[in-house]
N, C-alpha and C. Protein backbone atom coordinates (compact mmCIF):
# COMPACT_ATOMS: atom_id res chain seq x y z
N MET A 1 0.89 -1.21 -0.02
CA MET A 1 -0.02 0.00 0.07
C MET A 1 0.84 1.23 -0.03
N PHE A 2 0.48 2.30 -0.70
CA PHE A 2 1.33 3.49 -0.82
C PHE A 2 0.40 4.67 -0.73
N ARG A 3 0.89 5.75 -0.23
CA ARG A 3 -0.02 7.10 -0.17
C ARG A 3 -0.18 7.70 -1.64
N ARG A 4 -1.11 8.23 -1.84
CA ARG A 4 -1.33 9.04 -3.04
C ARG A 4 -1.60 10.48 -2.77
N THR A 5 -0.97 11.39 -3.53
CA THR A 5 -1.20 12.87 -3.43
C THR A 5 -2.00 13.19 -4.72
N VAL A 6 -3.22 13.77 -4.48
CA VAL A 6 -4.16 13.95 -5.46
C VAL A 6 -4.67 15.39 -5.68
N ILE A 7 -5.05 15.64 -6.92
CA ILE A 7 -5.67 16.84 -7.10
C ILE A 7 -6.99 16.72 -7.76
N PHE A 8 -8.01 17.34 -7.13
CA PHE A 8 -9.36 17.38 -7.71
C PHE A 8 -9.42 18.61 -8.50
N GLY A 9 -9.53 18.64 -9.80
CA GLY A 9 -9.71 19.87 -10.56
C GLY A 9 -11.23 20.11 -10.83
N LEU A 10 -11.85 21.08 -10.50
CA LEU A 10 -13.15 21.39 -10.78
C LEU A 10 -13.14 22.47 -11.85
N CYS A 11 -13.19 22.02 -13.06
CA CYS A 11 -12.85 23.18 -14.16
C CYS A 11 -13.75 24.27 -14.20
N THR A 12 -14.95 24.00 -13.97
CA THR A 12 -16.06 25.09 -13.93
C THR A 12 -15.88 26.25 -13.00
N THR A 13 -15.45 25.83 -11.73
CA THR A 13 -15.11 26.99 -10.90
C THR A 13 -13.69 27.33 -10.65
N GLY A 14 -12.87 26.53 -11.30
CA GLY A 14 -11.42 26.99 -11.19
C GLY A 14 -10.89 26.60 -9.80
N VAL A 15 -11.57 25.71 -8.99
CA VAL A 15 -11.19 25.47 -7.65
C VAL A 15 -10.45 24.12 -7.65
N SER A 16 -9.25 24.05 -6.92
CA SER A 16 -8.48 22.77 -6.78
C SER A 16 -8.44 22.34 -5.37
N VAL A 17 -8.72 21.16 -4.99
CA VAL A 17 -8.52 20.81 -3.62
C VAL A 17 -7.57 19.76 -3.70
N PHE A 18 -6.52 19.91 -2.85
CA PHE A 18 -5.48 18.84 -2.55
C PHE A 18 -5.76 17.86 -1.35
N LEU A 19 -5.71 16.56 -1.89
CA LEU A 19 -5.96 15.53 -0.81
C LEU A 19 -4.87 14.60 -0.81
N THR A 20 -4.60 13.99 0.24
CA THR A 20 -3.73 12.82 0.33
C THR A 20 -4.50 11.60 0.93
N SER A 21 -4.52 10.47 0.25
CA SER A 21 -5.24 9.38 0.84
C SER A 21 -4.42 8.02 0.53
N ALA A 22 -4.89 6.95 1.16
CA ALA A 22 -4.44 5.65 1.11
C ALA A 22 -5.64 4.85 0.64
N PHE A 23 -5.25 3.58 0.03
CA PHE A 23 -6.40 2.63 -0.40
C PHE A 23 -7.13 2.35 0.90
N ALA A 24 -8.44 2.47 0.69
CA ALA A 24 -9.34 2.19 1.91
C ALA A 24 -9.40 0.81 2.25
N SER A 25 -9.03 -0.09 1.39
CA SER A 25 -9.07 -1.57 1.80
C SER A 25 -7.80 -1.92 2.25
N GLY A 26 -6.79 -1.31 2.23
CA GLY A 26 -5.45 -1.68 2.67
C GLY A 26 -4.76 -2.77 1.82
N GLU A 27 -5.26 -3.02 0.69
CA GLU A 27 -4.87 -4.35 -0.02
C GLU A 27 -3.94 -3.72 -1.08
N ASP A 28 -3.03 -4.69 -1.59
CA ASP A 28 -2.01 -4.35 -2.41
C ASP A 28 -2.77 -4.45 -3.85
N ASP A 29 -2.86 -3.25 -4.53
CA ASP A 29 -3.36 -3.13 -5.79
C ASP A 29 -2.40 -3.64 -7.00
N SER A 30 -1.27 -3.94 -6.66
CA SER A 30 -0.33 -4.24 -7.79
C SER A 30 -0.62 -5.70 -8.28
N ARG A 31 -1.39 -6.50 -7.50
CA ARG A 31 -1.61 -7.83 -8.21
C ARG A 31 -2.56 -7.77 -9.38
N PRO A 32 -2.23 -8.51 -10.41
CA PRO A 32 -2.97 -8.26 -11.69
C PRO A 32 -4.39 -8.58 -11.55
N GLU A 33 -4.77 -9.55 -10.72
CA GLU A 33 -6.19 -9.98 -10.48
C GLU A 33 -7.11 -8.92 -9.84
N TRP A 34 -6.42 -7.89 -9.24
CA TRP A 34 -7.32 -6.83 -8.69
C TRP A 34 -8.13 -6.11 -9.50
N ILE A 35 -7.85 -6.11 -10.80
CA ILE A 35 -8.69 -5.42 -11.84
C ILE A 35 -10.17 -6.06 -12.02
N LEU A 36 -10.21 -7.42 -11.67
CA LEU A 36 -11.39 -8.32 -11.87
C LEU A 36 -12.35 -7.88 -10.84
N ARG A 37 -12.06 -7.06 -9.92
CA ARG A 37 -12.98 -6.60 -8.87
C ARG A 37 -14.03 -5.66 -9.39
N PHE A 38 -13.67 -5.00 -10.50
CA PHE A 38 -14.60 -4.05 -11.26
C PHE A 38 -15.46 -4.67 -12.11
N GLN A 39 -16.79 -4.34 -11.98
CA GLN A 39 -17.98 -4.89 -12.76
C GLN A 39 -18.42 -3.98 -13.86
N LEU A 40 -17.83 -2.81 -14.14
CA LEU A 40 -18.12 -1.76 -14.99
C LEU A 40 -19.57 -1.33 -14.71
N THR A 41 -20.05 -1.53 -13.47
CA THR A 41 -21.33 -0.96 -12.84
C THR A 41 -21.07 0.21 -11.99
N GLU A 42 -19.61 0.35 -11.64
CA GLU A 42 -19.40 1.24 -10.50
C GLU A 42 -19.73 2.69 -10.98
N THR A 43 -20.00 3.52 -9.81
CA THR A 43 -20.14 4.98 -9.99
C THR A 43 -18.85 5.74 -9.75
N PRO A 44 -18.55 6.86 -10.14
CA PRO A 44 -17.47 7.61 -9.82
C PRO A 44 -17.13 7.56 -8.24
N GLU A 45 -18.22 7.69 -7.54
CA GLU A 45 -18.15 7.72 -5.97
C GLU A 45 -17.71 6.29 -5.47
N SER A 46 -18.33 5.39 -5.98
CA SER A 46 -17.82 4.03 -5.50
C SER A 46 -16.24 3.61 -5.89
N VAL A 47 -15.87 4.11 -7.04
CA VAL A 47 -14.51 4.06 -7.51
C VAL A 47 -13.54 4.72 -6.53
N LEU A 48 -13.94 5.89 -6.14
CA LEU A 48 -13.13 6.81 -5.25
C LEU A 48 -13.17 6.01 -3.86
N ARG A 49 -14.28 5.42 -3.41
CA ARG A 49 -14.08 4.58 -2.28
C ARG A 49 -13.37 3.39 -2.33
N ALA A 50 -13.34 2.72 -3.43
CA ALA A 50 -12.64 1.43 -3.55
C ALA A 50 -11.02 1.81 -3.68
N MET A 51 -10.86 2.92 -4.18
CA MET A 51 -9.30 3.29 -4.37
C MET A 51 -8.98 4.10 -3.21
N GLY A 52 -9.78 4.31 -2.24
CA GLY A 52 -9.37 5.12 -1.04
C GLY A 52 -9.41 6.56 -1.01
N GLY A 53 -10.09 7.08 -2.08
CA GLY A 53 -10.35 8.41 -2.20
C GLY A 53 -9.29 9.12 -3.30
N GLY A 54 -9.60 10.22 -3.66
CA GLY A 54 -8.68 11.15 -4.34
C GLY A 54 -8.20 10.58 -5.77
N ALA A 55 -8.36 11.43 -6.72
CA ALA A 55 -8.03 11.11 -8.01
C ALA A 55 -7.79 12.53 -8.85
N SER A 56 -7.03 12.40 -9.89
CA SER A 56 -6.94 13.54 -10.73
C SER A 56 -8.00 13.22 -11.73
N ILE A 57 -9.00 14.37 -11.90
CA ILE A 57 -9.97 13.96 -12.88
C ILE A 57 -9.66 14.88 -14.06
N VAL A 58 -9.71 14.11 -15.15
CA VAL A 58 -9.53 14.86 -16.52
C VAL A 58 -10.85 14.80 -17.32
N HIS A 59 -11.38 15.99 -17.83
CA HIS A 59 -12.48 16.04 -18.56
C HIS A 59 -12.07 16.00 -20.10
N MET A 60 -12.52 15.07 -20.77
CA MET A 60 -12.13 14.92 -22.26
C MET A 60 -13.34 14.64 -22.96
N GLY A 61 -13.92 15.67 -23.70
CA GLY A 61 -15.20 15.53 -24.38
C GLY A 61 -16.29 14.98 -23.69
N GLY A 62 -16.87 13.73 -24.16
CA GLY A 62 -17.94 13.15 -23.26
C GLY A 62 -17.46 11.94 -22.24
N LEU A 63 -16.20 12.21 -21.89
CA LEU A 63 -15.69 11.40 -20.82
C LEU A 63 -15.01 12.04 -19.70
N ASP A 64 -14.99 11.47 -18.56
CA ASP A 64 -14.49 11.86 -17.32
C ASP A 64 -13.26 10.72 -16.98
N LEU A 65 -12.07 11.10 -16.98
CA LEU A 65 -11.01 10.09 -16.57
C LEU A 65 -10.67 10.27 -15.10
N TYR A 66 -10.62 9.36 -14.29
CA TYR A 66 -10.24 9.37 -12.87
C TYR A 66 -8.86 8.73 -12.91
N GLU A 67 -7.85 9.33 -12.61
CA GLU A 67 -6.48 8.77 -12.70
C GLU A 67 -5.91 8.76 -11.26
N PHE A 68 -5.37 7.69 -10.92
CA PHE A 68 -4.64 7.50 -9.68
C PHE A 68 -3.10 7.08 -9.98
N ARG A 69 -2.30 7.99 -9.27
CA ARG A 69 -0.87 7.80 -9.41
C ARG A 69 -0.22 7.78 -7.98
N ARG A 70 0.92 7.11 -7.97
CA ARG A 70 1.63 7.15 -6.72
C ARG A 70 2.24 8.59 -6.50
N ALA A 71 2.51 8.85 -5.17
CA ALA A 71 2.97 10.26 -4.78
C ALA A 71 4.08 10.56 -5.52
N GLU A 72 5.09 9.66 -5.72
CA GLU A 72 6.37 9.99 -6.31
C GLU A 72 6.33 9.87 -7.83
N GLN A 73 5.21 9.45 -8.46
CA GLN A 73 5.04 9.45 -9.84
C GLN A 73 4.97 10.68 -10.60
N ASP A 74 5.63 10.80 -11.70
CA ASP A 74 5.71 12.00 -12.56
C ASP A 74 4.31 12.20 -13.19
N ALA A 75 3.91 13.30 -13.35
CA ALA A 75 2.62 13.67 -13.90
C ALA A 75 2.45 13.32 -15.47
N GLU A 76 3.72 13.26 -16.01
CA GLU A 76 3.83 12.96 -17.47
C GLU A 76 3.69 11.43 -17.62
N GLU A 77 3.88 10.57 -16.69
CA GLU A 77 3.83 9.14 -16.87
C GLU A 77 2.34 8.74 -16.92
N GLU A 78 2.13 7.63 -17.44
CA GLU A 78 0.87 7.14 -17.47
C GLU A 78 0.43 6.72 -16.07
N PRO A 79 -0.79 6.94 -15.60
CA PRO A 79 -1.20 6.68 -14.30
C PRO A 79 -1.23 5.21 -14.01
N ASP A 80 -1.01 4.86 -12.70
CA ASP A 80 -1.26 3.39 -12.35
C ASP A 80 -2.53 2.99 -12.64
N TRP A 81 -3.64 3.64 -12.32
CA TRP A 81 -4.91 3.32 -12.67
C TRP A 81 -5.70 4.44 -13.30
N ARG A 82 -6.48 4.12 -14.42
CA ARG A 82 -7.32 5.03 -15.09
C ARG A 82 -8.75 4.50 -15.08
N PHE A 83 -9.77 5.11 -14.61
CA PHE A 83 -11.15 4.83 -14.74
C PHE A 83 -11.91 5.75 -15.75
N THR A 84 -12.43 5.23 -16.83
CA THR A 84 -13.09 6.09 -17.82
C THR A 84 -14.47 5.99 -17.65
N PHE A 85 -15.19 7.11 -17.44
CA PHE A 85 -16.70 7.33 -17.33
C PHE A 85 -17.30 7.97 -18.40
N GLN A 86 -18.24 7.36 -19.12
CA GLN A 86 -18.99 8.01 -20.20
C GLN A 86 -20.06 9.05 -19.61
N LEU A 87 -20.08 10.14 -20.15
CA LEU A 87 -20.98 11.30 -19.84
C LEU A 87 -22.11 11.22 -20.75
N PRO A 88 -23.36 11.71 -20.36
CA PRO A 88 -23.75 12.20 -19.15
C PRO A 88 -24.14 11.22 -18.17
N GLU A 89 -24.25 9.97 -18.46
CA GLU A 89 -24.54 8.90 -17.42
C GLU A 89 -23.77 8.67 -16.31
N ARG A 90 -22.49 9.05 -16.50
CA ARG A 90 -21.25 8.78 -15.64
C ARG A 90 -21.16 7.19 -15.49
N ARG A 91 -21.29 6.48 -16.63
CA ARG A 91 -21.17 5.14 -16.55
C ARG A 91 -19.71 4.61 -16.82
N LEU A 92 -19.27 3.76 -15.98
CA LEU A 92 -17.73 3.22 -16.08
C LEU A 92 -17.79 2.25 -17.28
N VAL A 93 -16.97 2.63 -18.26
CA VAL A 93 -16.74 1.81 -19.53
C VAL A 93 -15.36 1.26 -19.72
N VAL A 94 -14.42 1.86 -19.07
CA VAL A 94 -13.02 1.19 -19.17
C VAL A 94 -12.20 1.37 -17.77
N VAL A 95 -11.46 0.31 -17.53
CA VAL A 95 -10.57 0.29 -16.29
C VAL A 95 -9.13 -0.09 -16.97
N THR A 96 -8.28 0.90 -16.79
CA THR A 96 -6.91 0.56 -17.18
C THR A 96 -5.97 0.50 -16.10
N ARG A 97 -5.13 -0.53 -16.09
CA ARG A 97 -4.04 -0.77 -15.04
C ARG A 97 -2.73 -0.76 -15.65
N ASN A 98 -1.85 0.26 -15.50
CA ASN A 98 -0.49 0.32 -16.06
C ASN A 98 0.45 -0.09 -14.92
N TYR A 99 1.58 -0.85 -15.47
CA TYR A 99 2.53 -1.26 -14.56
C TYR A 99 3.98 -0.87 -15.13
N GLU A 100 4.89 -0.40 -14.18
CA GLU A 100 6.15 0.12 -14.45
C GLU A 100 6.98 -0.95 -15.20
N LYS A 101 6.83 -2.29 -14.72
CA LYS A 101 7.60 -3.32 -15.33
C LYS A 101 6.58 -4.36 -15.80
N ALA A 102 6.89 -4.95 -16.88
CA ALA A 102 5.94 -6.01 -17.42
C ALA A 102 5.95 -7.19 -16.50
N LEU A 103 4.73 -7.78 -16.29
CA LEU A 103 4.41 -8.96 -15.61
C LEU A 103 3.67 -10.07 -16.29
N ASP A 104 3.95 -11.30 -15.87
CA ASP A 104 3.36 -12.48 -16.51
C ASP A 104 1.80 -12.46 -16.11
N VAL A 105 0.89 -12.53 -16.96
CA VAL A 105 -0.51 -12.70 -16.65
C VAL A 105 -1.10 -13.97 -17.07
N THR A 106 -0.40 -14.96 -17.21
CA THR A 106 -0.89 -16.34 -17.64
C THR A 106 -2.00 -16.74 -16.65
N ASN A 107 -1.94 -16.43 -15.46
CA ASN A 107 -3.21 -16.84 -14.47
C ASN A 107 -4.35 -16.32 -14.83
N LEU A 108 -4.50 -15.10 -15.56
CA LEU A 108 -5.65 -14.29 -15.90
C LEU A 108 -6.26 -14.72 -17.18
N PHE A 109 -5.41 -15.46 -18.02
CA PHE A 109 -5.76 -15.68 -19.43
C PHE A 109 -5.64 -17.09 -19.71
N ALA A 110 -6.67 -18.06 -19.20
CA ALA A 110 -6.72 -19.43 -19.44
C ALA A 110 -6.74 -19.59 -21.00
N ALA A 111 -5.95 -20.53 -21.55
CA ALA A 111 -5.79 -20.72 -22.99
C ALA A 111 -7.27 -21.10 -23.55
N SER A 112 -8.11 -21.71 -22.88
CA SER A 112 -9.27 -22.20 -23.34
C SER A 112 -10.37 -21.00 -23.40
N GLU A 113 -10.13 -19.91 -22.77
CA GLU A 113 -10.95 -18.75 -22.66
C GLU A 113 -10.39 -17.49 -23.43
N THR A 114 -9.25 -17.51 -23.96
CA THR A 114 -8.51 -16.41 -24.51
C THR A 114 -8.18 -16.58 -25.83
N GLU A 115 -8.21 -15.38 -26.56
CA GLU A 115 -8.01 -15.33 -27.93
C GLU A 115 -6.56 -14.36 -28.01
N LEU A 116 -5.79 -14.66 -29.07
CA LEU A 116 -4.56 -13.77 -29.24
C LEU A 116 -5.03 -12.91 -30.48
N LYS A 117 -5.14 -11.57 -30.31
CA LYS A 117 -5.46 -10.75 -31.53
C LYS A 117 -4.24 -10.03 -31.77
N SER A 118 -3.88 -9.78 -33.20
CA SER A 118 -2.88 -9.02 -33.59
C SER A 118 -3.16 -8.05 -34.71
N TYR A 119 -2.45 -6.90 -34.65
CA TYR A 119 -2.61 -5.74 -35.67
C TYR A 119 -1.28 -5.44 -36.10
N PRO A 120 -1.08 -5.40 -37.43
CA PRO A 120 -2.10 -5.55 -38.51
C PRO A 120 -2.42 -7.02 -38.83
N ASP A 121 -1.41 -7.98 -38.56
CA ASP A 121 -1.50 -9.27 -38.85
C ASP A 121 -0.63 -10.16 -37.90
N LYS A 122 -0.94 -11.38 -37.89
CA LYS A 122 -0.14 -12.22 -36.74
C LYS A 122 1.24 -12.55 -37.27
N GLU A 123 1.53 -12.35 -38.52
CA GLU A 123 2.85 -12.55 -38.98
C GLU A 123 3.95 -11.44 -38.46
N LYS A 124 3.64 -10.33 -38.68
CA LYS A 124 4.30 -9.16 -38.23
C LYS A 124 3.43 -8.06 -37.56
N PRO A 125 3.07 -8.46 -36.25
CA PRO A 125 2.24 -7.57 -35.42
C PRO A 125 2.94 -6.41 -34.88
N ALA A 126 2.19 -5.33 -35.00
CA ALA A 126 2.73 -3.98 -34.44
C ALA A 126 2.19 -4.08 -32.87
N LEU A 127 1.14 -4.62 -32.84
CA LEU A 127 0.44 -4.65 -31.44
C LEU A 127 -0.32 -6.03 -31.39
N SER A 128 -0.05 -6.72 -30.22
CA SER A 128 -0.82 -7.97 -29.87
C SER A 128 -1.45 -7.87 -28.58
N LEU A 129 -2.67 -8.39 -28.51
CA LEU A 129 -3.46 -8.32 -27.35
C LEU A 129 -3.94 -9.74 -26.91
N LEU A 130 -4.01 -10.09 -25.57
CA LEU A 130 -4.68 -11.19 -25.07
C LEU A 130 -6.10 -10.68 -24.87
N VAL A 131 -7.14 -11.42 -25.22
CA VAL A 131 -8.54 -10.85 -25.02
C VAL A 131 -9.31 -12.13 -24.45
N ARG A 132 -9.95 -11.88 -23.33
CA ARG A 132 -10.63 -12.82 -22.57
C ARG A 132 -12.03 -12.29 -22.26
N LYS A 133 -13.07 -12.93 -22.62
CA LYS A 133 -14.49 -12.57 -22.43
C LYS A 133 -14.89 -13.03 -21.02
N LEU A 134 -15.05 -12.12 -20.12
CA LEU A 134 -15.33 -12.53 -18.63
C LEU A 134 -16.91 -12.78 -18.60
N ASP A 135 -17.80 -11.98 -19.12
CA ASP A 135 -19.17 -12.04 -19.38
C ASP A 135 -19.61 -11.27 -20.56
N THR A 136 -20.92 -11.10 -20.56
CA THR A 136 -21.39 -10.22 -21.71
C THR A 136 -21.23 -8.81 -21.76
N ARG A 137 -20.79 -8.26 -20.55
CA ARG A 137 -20.52 -6.82 -20.44
C ARG A 137 -19.03 -6.56 -20.35
N ARG A 138 -18.10 -7.48 -20.10
CA ARG A 138 -16.71 -7.23 -19.78
C ARG A 138 -15.75 -8.00 -20.54
N LEU A 139 -14.72 -7.46 -21.12
CA LEU A 139 -13.72 -7.99 -21.64
C LEU A 139 -12.36 -7.69 -20.92
N LEU A 140 -11.53 -8.52 -20.74
CA LEU A 140 -10.16 -8.34 -20.09
C LEU A 140 -9.16 -8.38 -21.13
N LEU A 141 -8.34 -7.45 -21.37
CA LEU A 141 -7.30 -7.27 -22.32
C LEU A 141 -5.93 -7.09 -21.91
N ALA A 142 -4.94 -7.87 -22.44
CA ALA A 142 -3.52 -7.38 -21.94
C ALA A 142 -2.77 -6.97 -23.18
N ARG A 143 -2.16 -5.91 -23.19
CA ARG A 143 -1.29 -5.41 -24.27
C ARG A 143 -0.02 -6.08 -24.04
N LEU A 144 0.38 -7.01 -24.86
CA LEU A 144 1.61 -7.87 -24.86
C LEU A 144 2.94 -7.11 -25.22
N GLU A 145 3.89 -7.40 -24.56
CA GLU A 145 5.34 -6.93 -24.81
C GLU A 145 5.55 -7.55 -26.11
N LYS A 146 6.39 -6.80 -26.95
CA LYS A 146 6.68 -7.27 -28.21
C LYS A 146 7.50 -8.67 -28.05
N GLY A 147 7.09 -9.71 -28.83
CA GLY A 147 7.70 -11.03 -28.92
C GLY A 147 7.34 -11.89 -27.54
N SER A 148 6.32 -11.37 -26.73
CA SER A 148 5.95 -12.26 -25.72
C SER A 148 4.46 -12.60 -25.99
N ARG A 149 4.10 -13.80 -25.27
CA ARG A 149 2.65 -14.11 -25.33
C ARG A 149 1.97 -14.10 -23.93
N THR A 150 2.94 -13.60 -22.89
CA THR A 150 2.22 -13.75 -21.56
C THR A 150 2.66 -12.56 -20.80
N MET A 151 3.56 -11.57 -21.18
CA MET A 151 4.12 -10.50 -20.48
C MET A 151 3.33 -9.16 -20.89
N THR A 152 2.94 -8.42 -19.99
CA THR A 152 2.32 -7.15 -20.25
C THR A 152 2.63 -6.04 -19.20
N ASP A 153 2.51 -4.73 -19.75
CA ASP A 153 2.63 -3.62 -18.72
C ASP A 153 1.26 -2.90 -18.67
N GLN A 154 0.34 -3.51 -19.44
CA GLN A 154 -1.06 -2.84 -19.23
C GLN A 154 -2.14 -3.82 -19.37
N LEU A 155 -3.13 -3.80 -18.34
CA LEU A 155 -4.34 -4.65 -18.55
C LEU A 155 -5.48 -3.59 -18.64
N VAL A 156 -6.47 -3.96 -19.35
CA VAL A 156 -7.58 -3.20 -19.63
C VAL A 156 -8.87 -4.03 -19.55
N LEU A 157 -9.84 -3.49 -18.61
CA LEU A 157 -11.14 -3.88 -18.61
C LEU A 157 -12.15 -3.17 -19.24
N ALA A 158 -12.80 -3.56 -20.28
CA ALA A 158 -13.61 -2.61 -20.99
C ALA A 158 -14.99 -3.52 -21.47
N SER A 159 -15.94 -2.65 -21.77
CA SER A 159 -17.20 -3.18 -22.25
C SER A 159 -16.78 -3.64 -23.84
N PRO A 160 -17.39 -4.53 -24.44
CA PRO A 160 -17.04 -4.81 -25.63
C PRO A 160 -17.08 -3.77 -26.84
N PRO A 161 -18.05 -2.77 -26.80
CA PRO A 161 -18.13 -1.67 -27.65
C PRO A 161 -16.96 -0.69 -27.48
N MET A 162 -16.65 -0.51 -26.14
CA MET A 162 -15.39 0.44 -25.91
C MET A 162 -14.00 -0.18 -26.35
N ALA A 163 -14.07 -1.57 -26.02
CA ALA A 163 -12.84 -2.33 -26.52
C ALA A 163 -12.54 -2.08 -27.96
N ALA A 164 -13.67 -2.27 -28.73
CA ALA A 164 -13.65 -2.07 -30.25
C ALA A 164 -13.35 -0.67 -30.65
N LEU A 165 -13.71 0.37 -29.84
CA LEU A 165 -13.28 1.64 -30.09
C LEU A 165 -11.90 1.99 -29.86
N ILE A 166 -11.40 1.41 -28.78
CA ILE A 166 -9.99 1.66 -28.45
C ILE A 166 -9.06 0.75 -29.33
N PHE A 167 -9.44 -0.43 -29.61
CA PHE A 167 -8.76 -1.20 -30.61
C PHE A 167 -9.55 -1.71 -31.77
N PRO A 168 -9.74 -0.86 -32.81
CA PRO A 168 -10.48 -1.18 -33.92
C PRO A 168 -10.51 -2.54 -34.57
N PHE A 169 -9.29 -3.07 -34.43
CA PHE A 169 -9.13 -4.35 -35.11
C PHE A 169 -9.85 -5.47 -34.34
N LEU A 170 -10.36 -5.26 -33.19
CA LEU A 170 -11.10 -6.20 -32.37
C LEU A 170 -12.44 -6.45 -33.02
N ALA A 171 -13.06 -5.36 -33.80
CA ALA A 171 -14.38 -5.44 -34.28
C ALA A 171 -14.33 -6.50 -35.52
N LYS A 172 -13.32 -6.81 -35.95
CA LYS A 172 -13.31 -7.70 -37.29
C LYS A 172 -13.68 -9.01 -36.84
């Protein structure tokens, strides 16, 4: 568990509130299976509770991105966690978990439940993903390290329509 320094930006009023918080659950969120806790039915408030409060909130078109970083993490780096909410419903559509170092995710992607998708093709992929359908509402994706079939530095939990928007080659 680590502490997070967070900035809530309220763009309309120009007010910023600085908060420091720790994960409410006290659990280690670095384990890859932690992402499976999310059902894509969570509200922004329930995500804040699950993550122990505090997030940088980025408003981008019809989306709100709730980003969680370690206190020592540079703002230019990808956040450890990013939760994407579609507006105006504030519906959670994507959860992204970024890791500093690649890790083996074999235990999350059983061969019988997983497809390997490559872009532009399997012979010379510029991007390869492991894709596992968890249920009708959720896909678990792992962006693979070049040349690997099990190592990733990014896990994505997304609804099938959002996964196809992020990775258009999945729609084929």
